[in-house]
Amino acid sequence: MKTALKIEGMSCEHCVQHVKEALEGIGGVKSAKVSLKKNGAEVNHAETVTLAMMEKAVEEAGYKVVA
């Protein structure tokens, strides 16, 4: 499955890497493409990974998922 997330609070490539590592640290996430330009991420994951799990990982990294 693929899920697109809009992420608020990223301002540099370090932020991008931090969000990528947070998302890829979730069991069941195969890959995460994070873009500073698009202020978001595209996450390729197993069906067992929920939006809530991804939001929590991003928020714990210090950023916010927005609708």
C-alpha atoms as a PDB file:
ATOM      1  CA  MET A   1       0.000   0.000   0.000  1.00  0.00           C
ATOM      2  CA  LYS A   2       1.028   3.611  -0.485  1.00  0.00           C
ATOM      3  CA  THR A   3      -0.015   6.522   1.677  1.00  0.00           C
ATOM      4  CA  ALA A   4       0.717  10.195   1.061  1.00  0.00           C
ATOM      5  CA  LEU A   5       1.242  12.425   4.083  1.00  0.00           C
ATOM      6  CA  LYS A   6       1.390  16.221   4.294  1.00  0.00           C
ATOM      7  CA  ILE A   7       3.970  17.174   6.911  1.00  0.00           C
ATOM      8  CA  GLU A   8       4.380  20.531   8.625  1.00  0.00           C
ATOM      9  CA  GLY A   9       7.548  21.791  10.272  1.00  0.00           C
ATOM     10  CA  MET A  10      10.315  20.544   7.971  1.00  0.00           C
ATOM     11  CA  SER A  11      12.748  23.285   6.999  1.00  0.00           C
ATOM     12  CA  CYS A  12      15.920  21.535   5.787  1.00  0.00           C
ATOM     13  CA  GLU A  13      17.360  18.259   4.519  1.00  0.00           C
ATOM     14  CA  HIS A  14      18.180  17.239   8.110  1.00  0.00           C
ATOM     15  CA  CYS A  15      14.433  17.428   8.855  1.00  0.00           C
ATOM     16  CA  VAL A  16      13.718  15.291   5.787  1.00  0.00           C
ATOM     17  CA  GLN A  17      16.177  12.643   6.952  1.00  0.00           C
ATOM     18  CA  HIS A  18      14.758  12.696  10.482  1.00  0.00           C
ATOM     19  CA  VAL A  19      11.196  12.124   9.194  1.00  0.00           C
ATOM     20  CA  LYS A  20      12.380   9.408   6.772  1.00  0.00           C
ATOM     21  CA  GLU A  21      14.137   7.535   9.587  1.00  0.00           C
ATOM     22  CA  ALA A  22      11.084   7.867  11.856  1.00  0.00           C
ATOM     23  CA  LEU A  23       8.739   6.468   9.206  1.00  0.00           C
ATOM     24  CA  GLU A  24      11.091   3.688   8.117  1.00  0.00           C
ATOM     25  CA  GLY A  25      11.485   2.712  11.779  1.00  0.00           C
ATOM     26  CA  ILE A  26       7.883   1.489  11.849  1.00  0.00           C
ATOM     27  CA  GLY A  27       7.597  -2.276  11.433  1.00  0.00           C
ATOM     28  CA  GLY A  28       5.893  -2.962   8.100  1.00  0.00           C
ATOM     29  CA  VAL A  29       7.089   0.204   6.357  1.00  0.00           C
ATOM     30  CA  LYS A  30       9.037  -0.779   3.246  1.00  0.00           C
ATOM     31  CA  SER A  31      10.171   2.712   2.234  1.00  0.00           C
ATOM     32  CA  ALA A  32       9.450   6.387   2.747  1.00  0.00           C
ATOM     33  CA  LYS A  33      10.131   9.124   0.197  1.00  0.00           C
ATOM     34  CA  VAL A  34      10.159  12.435   2.035  1.00  0.00           C
ATOM     35  CA  SER A  35      10.180  15.739   0.143  1.00  0.00           C
ATOM     36  CA  LEU A  36      10.964  19.155   1.566  1.00  0.00           C
ATOM     37  CA  LYS A  37       9.724  20.755  -1.657  1.00  0.00           C
ATOM     38  CA  LYS A  38       6.334  19.017  -1.394  1.00  0.00           C
ATOM     39  CA  ASN A  39       6.198  19.230   2.430  1.00  0.00           C
ATOM     40  CA  GLY A  40       5.239  15.614   2.581  1.00  0.00           C
ATOM     41  CA  ALA A  41       6.033  11.958   2.319  1.00  0.00           C
ATOM     42  CA  GLU A  42       4.949   8.949   0.309  1.00  0.00           C
ATOM     43  CA  VAL A  43       5.085   5.813   2.411  1.00  0.00           C
ATOM     44  CA  ASN A  44       5.108   2.313   0.933  1.00  0.00           C
ATOM     45  CA  HIS A  45       3.888  -0.060   3.641  1.00  0.00           C
ATOM     46  CA  ALA A  46       2.141  -3.280   4.598  1.00  0.00           C
ATOM     47  CA  GLU A  47      -1.618  -3.261   5.255  1.00  0.00           C
ATOM     48  CA  THR A  48      -0.909  -3.636   8.981  1.00  0.00           C
ATOM     49  CA  VAL A  49       0.561  -0.115   9.170  1.00  0.00           C
ATOM     50  CA  THR A  50      -2.083   2.458  10.079  1.00  0.00           C
ATOM     51  CA  LEU A  51      -2.257   6.182   9.494  1.00  0.00           C
ATOM     52  CA  ALA A  52      -2.227   6.644  13.272  1.00  0.00           C
ATOM     53  CA  MET A  53       1.083   4.759  13.512  1.00  0.00           C
ATOM     54  CA  MET A  54       2.639   6.993  10.853  1.00  0.00           C
ATOM     55  CA  GLU A  55       1.280  10.180  12.459  1.00  0.00           C
ATOM     56  CA  LYS A  56       2.667   9.127  15.845  1.00  0.00           C
ATOM     57  CA  ALA A  57       6.141   8.442  14.399  1.00  0.00           C
ATOM     58  CA  VAL A  58       6.217  11.831  12.635  1.00  0.00           C
ATOM     59  CA  GLU A  59       5.015  13.657  15.762  1.00  0.00           C
ATOM     60  CA  GLU A  60       7.566  11.871  17.954  1.00  0.00           C
ATOM     61  CA  ALA A  61      10.232  13.086  15.523  1.00  0.00           C
ATOM     62  CA  GLY A  62       9.034  16.653  16.171  1.00  0.00           C
ATOM     63  CA  TYR A  63       6.870  17.333  13.120  1.00  0.00           C
ATOM     64  CA  LYS A  64       3.130  17.353  12.397  1.00  0.00           C
ATOM     65  CA  VAL A  65       0.974  15.492   9.895  1.00  0.00           C
ATOM     66  CA  VAL A  66      -1.697  17.805   8.503  1.00  0.00           C
ATOM     67  CA  ALA A  67      -4.832  16.967   6.484  1.00  0.00           C
END
